[in-house]
Amino acid sequence: MKKSSPFSLKERLQSFIPVFNGIKLLFQNEHNSWVHLFCAVGSVIIGIVVQLSSIEWLFLLLAIALVFFAELFNTALERLADKVEPNFDFTIGAVKDYASAAVLIAAIFAVIVGVVLFGPKLIAYL
């Protein structure tokens, strides 16, 4: 059994380098991520204006995280599939379609959350 090395804050911080690189690559290469970001920032601003409750903030942030989570996994799967089989393959095409459908479902969920949270507040605000 391999003995684990002592805790190193420097190594823990360095382990975040690929994380931030993945986020950077997402925004550099995926145009839809900018749409998601615009909607997320807009939703947060509206949430501040209408003074969401704590539980409403949790639902909003969960919806935002779900969309980015789905987009990241969709992008990773598409890149891997294109590397494994650069030519058209029906099965790989179907897998990529499933992954992009997951992003759409997450986005629809986020819109529903937005309507439920903001609809009544914006109507009352006007």
N, C-alpha and C. Protein backbone atom coordinates (compact mmCIF):
# COMPACT_ATOMS: atom_id res chain seq x y z
N MET A 1 0.84 -1.17 0.00
CA MET A 1 0.00 0.00 0.00
C MET A 1 0.89 1.24 0.00
N LYS A 2 0.56 2.16 -0.91
CA LYS A 2 1.36 3.37 -1.04
C LYS A 2 1.00 4.35 0.08
N LYS A 3 2.05 4.86 0.71
CA LYS A 3 1.85 5.83 1.77
C LYS A 3 1.58 7.19 1.13
N SER A 4 0.54 7.86 1.62
CA SER A 4 0.19 9.15 1.04
C SER A 4 1.17 10.22 1.52
N SER A 5 1.39 11.19 0.66
CA SER A 5 2.30 12.28 1.00
C SER A 5 1.58 13.27 1.92
N PRO A 6 2.34 14.05 2.68
CA PRO A 6 1.71 15.02 3.58
C PRO A 6 0.95 16.08 2.79
N PHE A 7 -0.02 16.68 3.45
CA PHE A 7 -0.83 17.72 2.83
C PHE A 7 0.05 18.89 2.39
N SER A 8 -0.21 19.36 1.17
CA SER A 8 0.54 20.49 0.65
C SER A 8 -0.45 21.50 0.07
N LEU A 9 -0.51 22.67 0.66
CA LEU A 9 -1.41 23.71 0.17
C LEU A 9 -1.03 24.10 -1.26
N LYS A 10 0.25 24.15 -1.54
CA LYS A 10 0.72 24.51 -2.88
C LYS A 10 0.21 23.50 -3.91
N GLU A 11 0.30 22.21 -3.60
CA GLU A 11 -0.19 21.18 -4.53
C GLU A 11 -1.71 21.26 -4.68
N ARG A 12 -2.42 21.55 -3.59
CA ARG A 12 -3.88 21.68 -3.68
C ARG A 12 -4.24 22.85 -4.58
N LEU A 13 -3.56 23.97 -4.43
CA LEU A 13 -3.84 25.13 -5.28
C LEU A 13 -3.49 24.85 -6.73
N GLN A 14 -2.38 24.14 -6.95
CA GLN A 14 -1.98 23.81 -8.33
C GLN A 14 -2.98 22.86 -8.99
N SER A 15 -3.70 22.09 -8.19
CA SER A 15 -4.68 21.17 -8.76
C SER A 15 -5.86 21.91 -9.39
N PHE A 16 -5.99 23.20 -9.09
CA PHE A 16 -7.07 23.99 -9.68
C PHE A 16 -6.70 24.56 -11.06
N ILE A 17 -5.45 24.47 -11.45
CA ILE A 17 -5.03 25.01 -12.75
C ILE A 17 -5.82 24.38 -13.90
N PRO A 18 -5.96 23.04 -13.96
CA PRO A 18 -6.77 22.47 -15.05
C PRO A 18 -8.24 22.88 -14.99
N VAL A 19 -8.74 23.10 -13.80
CA VAL A 19 -10.13 23.53 -13.64
C VAL A 19 -10.35 24.87 -14.33
N PHE A 20 -9.50 25.83 -14.00
CA PHE A 20 -9.65 27.16 -14.59
C PHE A 20 -9.34 27.14 -16.09
N ASN A 21 -8.44 26.25 -16.50
CA ASN A 21 -8.16 26.10 -17.93
C ASN A 21 -9.40 25.58 -18.66
N GLY A 22 -10.10 24.63 -18.05
CA GLY A 22 -11.32 24.11 -18.67
C GLY A 22 -12.38 25.19 -18.82
N ILE A 23 -12.53 26.03 -17.82
CA ILE A 23 -13.49 27.13 -17.90
C ILE A 23 -13.07 28.12 -18.98
N LYS A 24 -11.78 28.43 -19.02
CA LYS A 24 -11.27 29.36 -20.05
C LYS A 24 -11.52 28.78 -21.45
N LEU A 25 -11.22 27.50 -21.64
CA LEU A 25 -11.44 26.87 -22.93
C LEU A 25 -12.92 26.86 -23.32
N LEU A 26 -13.79 26.66 -22.34
CA LEU A 26 -15.22 26.67 -22.62
C LEU A 26 -15.62 28.00 -23.24
N PHE A 27 -15.19 29.10 -22.62
CA PHE A 27 -15.59 30.41 -23.12
C PHE A 27 -14.85 30.80 -24.40
N GLN A 28 -13.66 30.26 -24.60
CA GLN A 28 -12.92 30.55 -25.83
C GLN A 28 -13.51 29.82 -27.03
N ASN A 29 -14.01 28.61 -26.81
CA ASN A 29 -14.36 27.74 -27.93
C ASN A 29 -15.85 27.49 -28.12
N GLU A 30 -16.65 27.74 -27.12
CA GLU A 30 -18.08 27.43 -27.20
C GLU A 30 -18.89 28.71 -27.15
N HIS A 31 -19.44 29.11 -28.27
CA HIS A 31 -20.19 30.36 -28.36
C HIS A 31 -21.44 30.35 -27.48
N ASN A 32 -22.07 29.17 -27.35
CA ASN A 32 -23.26 29.10 -26.51
C ASN A 32 -22.95 29.39 -25.05
N SER A 33 -21.71 29.18 -24.62
CA SER A 33 -21.37 29.47 -23.23
C SER A 33 -21.50 30.96 -22.94
N TRP A 34 -21.29 31.79 -23.93
CA TRP A 34 -21.46 33.23 -23.75
C TRP A 34 -22.93 33.58 -23.57
N VAL A 35 -23.80 32.88 -24.29
CA VAL A 35 -25.24 33.08 -24.11
C VAL A 35 -25.64 32.67 -22.70
N HIS A 36 -25.14 31.52 -22.25
CA HIS A 36 -25.43 31.05 -20.89
C HIS A 36 -24.92 32.06 -19.86
N LEU A 37 -23.72 32.58 -20.07
CA LEU A 37 -23.14 33.54 -19.13
C LEU A 37 -23.96 34.83 -19.10
N PHE A 38 -24.36 35.32 -20.26
CA PHE A 38 -25.18 36.53 -20.33
C PHE A 38 -26.48 36.34 -19.56
N CYS A 39 -27.13 35.21 -19.78
CA CYS A 39 -28.39 34.92 -19.07
C CYS A 39 -28.16 34.77 -17.57
N ALA A 40 -27.06 34.13 -17.18
CA ALA A 40 -26.75 33.95 -15.76
C ALA A 40 -26.52 35.29 -15.08
N VAL A 41 -25.71 36.14 -15.70
CA VAL A 41 -25.43 37.45 -15.11
C VAL A 41 -26.70 38.29 -15.05
N GLY A 42 -27.48 38.25 -16.11
CA GLY A 42 -28.76 38.98 -16.12
C GLY A 42 -29.69 38.49 -15.03
N SER A 43 -29.74 37.18 -14.84
CA SER A 43 -30.61 36.61 -13.80
C SER A 43 -30.15 37.02 -12.41
N VAL A 44 -28.85 37.03 -12.20
CA VAL A 44 -28.32 37.44 -10.89
C VAL A 44 -28.65 38.92 -10.63
N ILE A 45 -28.50 39.75 -11.64
CA ILE A 45 -28.82 41.18 -11.48
C ILE A 45 -30.30 41.35 -11.16
N ILE A 46 -31.16 40.66 -11.89
CA ILE A 46 -32.60 40.74 -11.61
C ILE A 46 -32.89 40.22 -10.22
N GLY A 47 -32.22 39.14 -9.83
CA GLY A 47 -32.41 38.58 -8.48
C GLY A 47 -32.07 39.57 -7.39
N ILE A 48 -31.02 40.34 -7.62
CA ILE A 48 -30.64 41.38 -6.65
C ILE A 48 -31.72 42.47 -6.60
N VAL A 49 -32.19 42.89 -7.77
CA VAL A 49 -33.19 43.96 -7.84
C VAL A 49 -34.49 43.55 -7.15
N VAL A 50 -34.95 42.32 -7.40
CA VAL A 50 -36.23 41.89 -6.82
C VAL A 50 -36.06 41.27 -5.44
N GLN A 51 -34.85 41.24 -4.94
CA GLN A 51 -34.53 40.74 -3.60
C GLN A 51 -35.05 39.33 -3.35
N LEU A 52 -34.44 38.38 -4.07
CA LEU A 52 -34.80 36.98 -3.88
C LEU A 52 -34.51 36.54 -2.46
N SER A 53 -35.31 35.59 -1.98
CA SER A 53 -35.06 34.99 -0.67
C SER A 53 -33.91 33.99 -0.79
N SER A 54 -33.46 33.50 0.33
CA SER A 54 -32.35 32.53 0.34
C SER A 54 -32.69 31.29 -0.47
N ILE A 55 -33.88 30.75 -0.28
CA ILE A 55 -34.26 29.53 -1.01
C ILE A 55 -34.40 29.82 -2.51
N GLU A 56 -34.87 31.02 -2.85
CA GLU A 56 -34.98 31.39 -4.27
C GLU A 56 -33.59 31.50 -4.89
N TRP A 57 -32.63 32.06 -4.13
CA TRP A 57 -31.25 32.13 -4.62
C TRP A 57 -30.70 30.73 -4.85
N LEU A 58 -31.01 29.80 -3.96
CA LEU A 58 -30.52 28.44 -4.14
C LEU A 58 -31.04 27.83 -5.44
N PHE A 59 -32.33 28.01 -5.70
CA PHE A 59 -32.89 27.47 -6.94
C PHE A 59 -32.28 28.15 -8.17
N LEU A 60 -32.11 29.45 -8.10
CA LEU A 60 -31.53 30.17 -9.24
C LEU A 60 -30.09 29.70 -9.50
N LEU A 61 -29.30 29.63 -8.44
CA LEU A 61 -27.91 29.22 -8.61
C LEU A 61 -27.79 27.76 -9.03
N LEU A 62 -28.70 26.92 -8.55
CA LEU A 62 -28.72 25.52 -8.99
C LEU A 62 -29.01 25.44 -10.49
N ALA A 63 -29.97 26.23 -10.95
CA ALA A 63 -30.32 26.22 -12.38
C ALA A 63 -29.14 26.71 -13.22
N ILE A 64 -28.47 27.76 -12.77
CA ILE A 64 -27.31 28.28 -13.50
C ILE A 64 -26.20 27.23 -13.53
N ALA A 65 -25.92 26.63 -12.38
CA ALA A 65 -24.86 25.61 -12.32
C ALA A 65 -25.20 24.42 -13.20
N LEU A 66 -26.45 24.01 -13.21
CA LEU A 66 -26.87 22.87 -14.02
C LEU A 66 -26.62 23.12 -15.51
N VAL A 67 -26.92 24.32 -15.96
CA VAL A 67 -26.70 24.65 -17.38
C VAL A 67 -25.21 24.59 -17.72
N PHE A 68 -24.38 25.20 -16.87
CA PHE A 68 -22.93 25.16 -17.15
C PHE A 68 -22.36 23.75 -17.02
N PHE A 69 -22.85 23.00 -16.05
CA PHE A 69 -22.43 21.61 -15.88
C PHE A 69 -22.75 20.81 -17.14
N ALA A 70 -23.98 20.94 -17.64
CA ALA A 70 -24.38 20.22 -18.85
C ALA A 70 -23.56 20.67 -20.05
N GLU A 71 -23.31 21.97 -20.17
CA GLU A 71 -22.52 22.48 -21.30
C GLU A 71 -21.09 21.96 -21.26
N LEU A 72 -20.50 21.94 -20.08
CA LEU A 72 -19.13 21.42 -19.95
C LEU A 72 -19.05 19.94 -20.31
N PHE A 73 -19.99 19.15 -19.81
CA PHE A 73 -19.96 17.72 -20.14
C PHE A 73 -20.28 17.48 -21.61
N ASN A 74 -21.20 18.24 -22.17
CA ASN A 74 -21.50 18.12 -23.59
C ASN A 74 -20.26 18.43 -24.43
N THR A 75 -19.58 19.51 -24.09
CA THR A 75 -18.39 19.90 -24.83
C THR A 75 -17.28 18.85 -24.69
N ALA A 76 -17.07 18.35 -23.49
CA ALA A 76 -16.04 17.33 -23.27
C ALA A 76 -16.35 16.07 -24.06
N LEU A 77 -17.62 15.66 -24.04
CA LEU A 77 -18.01 14.46 -24.77
C LEU A 77 -17.85 14.64 -26.27
N GLU A 78 -18.24 15.80 -26.78
CA GLU A 78 -18.09 16.07 -28.21
C GLU A 78 -16.63 16.06 -28.64
N ARG A 79 -15.77 16.69 -27.85
CA ARG A 79 -14.33 16.72 -28.18
C ARG A 79 -13.75 15.31 -28.19
N LEU A 80 -14.10 14.52 -27.17
CA LEU A 80 -13.60 13.15 -27.10
C LEU A 80 -14.12 12.32 -28.26
N ALA A 81 -15.40 12.46 -28.57
CA ALA A 81 -15.99 11.70 -29.68
C ALA A 81 -15.34 12.07 -31.00
N ASP A 82 -15.07 13.35 -31.22
CA ASP A 82 -14.42 13.78 -32.46
C ASP A 82 -13.00 13.25 -32.56
N LYS A 83 -12.33 13.11 -31.44
CA LYS A 83 -10.95 12.58 -31.43
C LYS A 83 -10.96 11.08 -31.70
N VAL A 84 -11.91 10.37 -31.09
CA VAL A 84 -11.99 8.92 -31.25
C VAL A 84 -12.40 8.55 -32.67
N GLU A 85 -13.38 9.27 -33.22
CA GLU A 85 -13.87 8.97 -34.57
C GLU A 85 -14.12 10.27 -35.31
N PRO A 86 -13.10 10.73 -36.07
CA PRO A 86 -13.25 12.00 -36.79
C PRO A 86 -14.25 11.93 -37.95
N ASN A 87 -14.50 10.74 -38.46
CA ASN A 87 -15.48 10.57 -39.54
C ASN A 87 -16.87 10.38 -38.94
N PHE A 88 -17.88 10.61 -39.79
CA PHE A 88 -19.24 10.45 -39.29
C PHE A 88 -19.49 9.00 -38.87
N ASP A 89 -20.08 8.87 -37.69
CA ASP A 89 -20.49 7.57 -37.19
C ASP A 89 -21.86 7.76 -36.55
N PHE A 90 -22.82 6.95 -36.96
CA PHE A 90 -24.20 7.12 -36.49
C PHE A 90 -24.30 7.04 -34.97
N THR A 91 -23.63 6.08 -34.37
CA THR A 91 -23.72 5.90 -32.92
C THR A 91 -23.10 7.08 -32.19
N ILE A 92 -21.93 7.51 -32.62
CA ILE A 92 -21.29 8.67 -31.98
C ILE A 92 -22.14 9.92 -32.20
N GLY A 93 -22.73 10.05 -33.37
CA GLY A 93 -23.62 11.18 -33.63
C GLY A 93 -24.81 11.17 -32.68
N ALA A 94 -25.37 9.99 -32.42
CA ALA A 94 -26.49 9.89 -31.50
C ALA A 94 -26.07 10.25 -30.07
N VAL A 95 -24.89 9.80 -29.67
CA VAL A 95 -24.38 10.13 -28.33
C VAL A 95 -24.21 11.65 -28.19
N LYS A 96 -23.67 12.28 -29.21
CA LYS A 96 -23.50 13.74 -29.18
C LYS A 96 -24.86 14.44 -29.13
N ASP A 97 -25.85 13.88 -29.84
CA ASP A 97 -27.20 14.44 -29.80
C ASP A 97 -27.80 14.33 -28.40
N TYR A 98 -27.58 13.18 -27.74
CA TYR A 98 -28.08 13.01 -26.37
C TYR A 98 -27.47 14.07 -25.45
N ALA A 99 -26.17 14.28 -25.59
CA ALA A 99 -25.48 15.24 -24.72
C ALA A 99 -25.98 16.65 -24.98
N SER A 100 -26.19 17.01 -26.23
CA SER A 100 -26.70 18.36 -26.50
C SER A 100 -28.15 18.49 -26.05
N ALA A 101 -28.91 17.41 -26.09
CA ALA A 101 -30.28 17.45 -25.57
C ALA A 101 -30.27 17.70 -24.06
N ALA A 102 -29.27 17.18 -23.37
CA ALA A 102 -29.15 17.42 -21.93
C ALA A 102 -28.95 18.91 -21.65
N VAL A 103 -28.18 19.57 -22.49
CA VAL A 103 -27.99 21.02 -22.33
C VAL A 103 -29.31 21.74 -22.55
N LEU A 104 -30.05 21.33 -23.56
CA LEU A 104 -31.34 21.96 -23.82
C LEU A 104 -32.30 21.76 -22.65
N ILE A 105 -32.34 20.56 -22.11
CA ILE A 105 -33.23 20.30 -20.96
C ILE A 105 -32.81 21.15 -19.77
N ALA A 106 -31.52 21.27 -19.52
CA ALA A 106 -31.03 22.11 -18.42
C ALA A 106 -31.42 23.56 -18.66
N ALA A 107 -31.30 24.02 -19.89
CA ALA A 107 -31.65 25.41 -20.22
C ALA A 107 -33.15 25.65 -20.06
N ILE A 108 -33.96 24.68 -20.47
CA ILE A 108 -35.41 24.81 -20.30
C ILE A 108 -35.76 24.86 -18.81
N PHE A 109 -35.10 24.00 -18.02
CA PHE A 109 -35.30 24.02 -16.57
C PHE A 109 -34.95 25.40 -16.01
N ALA A 110 -33.84 25.96 -16.47
CA ALA A 110 -33.41 27.28 -15.98
C ALA A 110 -34.43 28.35 -16.35
N VAL A 111 -35.00 28.28 -17.53
CA VAL A 111 -36.02 29.25 -17.94
C VAL A 111 -37.25 29.11 -17.06
N ILE A 112 -37.65 27.87 -16.79
CA ILE A 112 -38.82 27.64 -15.92
C ILE A 112 -38.56 28.19 -14.52
N VAL A 113 -37.37 27.94 -13.99
CA VAL A 113 -37.01 28.49 -12.68
C VAL A 113 -37.08 30.01 -12.73
N GLY A 114 -36.56 30.61 -13.78
CA GLY A 114 -36.60 32.06 -13.92
C GLY A 114 -38.01 32.60 -13.96
N VAL A 115 -38.88 31.95 -14.70
CA VAL A 115 -40.28 32.40 -14.80
C VAL A 115 -40.96 32.28 -13.44
N VAL A 116 -40.75 31.15 -12.75
CA VAL A 116 -41.37 30.95 -11.44
C VAL A 116 -40.85 31.97 -10.42
N LEU A 117 -39.55 32.22 -10.43
CA LEU A 117 -38.96 33.14 -9.46
C LEU A 117 -39.24 34.60 -9.79
N PHE A 118 -39.07 34.96 -11.05
CA PHE A 118 -39.12 36.37 -11.42
C PHE A 118 -40.48 36.84 -11.87
N GLY A 119 -41.27 35.96 -12.45
CA GLY A 119 -42.57 36.35 -12.99
C GLY A 119 -43.41 37.14 -12.01
N PRO A 120 -43.78 36.52 -10.88
CA PRO A 120 -44.63 37.24 -9.92
C PRO A 120 -43.97 38.50 -9.36
N LYS A 121 -42.66 38.44 -9.12
CA LYS A 121 -41.95 39.59 -8.55
C LYS A 121 -41.89 40.75 -9.55
N LEU A 122 -41.64 40.43 -10.81
CA LEU A 122 -41.57 41.50 -11.82
C LEU A 122 -42.93 42.11 -12.07
N ILE A 123 -43.98 41.29 -12.04
CA ILE A 123 -45.34 41.80 -12.22
C ILE A 123 -45.67 42.74 -11.05
N ALA A 124 -45.34 42.31 -9.84
CA ALA A 124 -45.60 43.15 -8.65
C ALA A 124 -44.73 44.40 -8.66
N TYR A 125 -43.50 44.26 -9.20
CA TYR A 125 -42.55 45.38 -9.23
C TYR A 125 -43.02 46.47 -10.19
N LEU A 126 -43.69 46.05 -11.27
CA LEU A 126 -44.17 47.02 -12.26
C LEU A 126 -45.39 47.70 -11.71
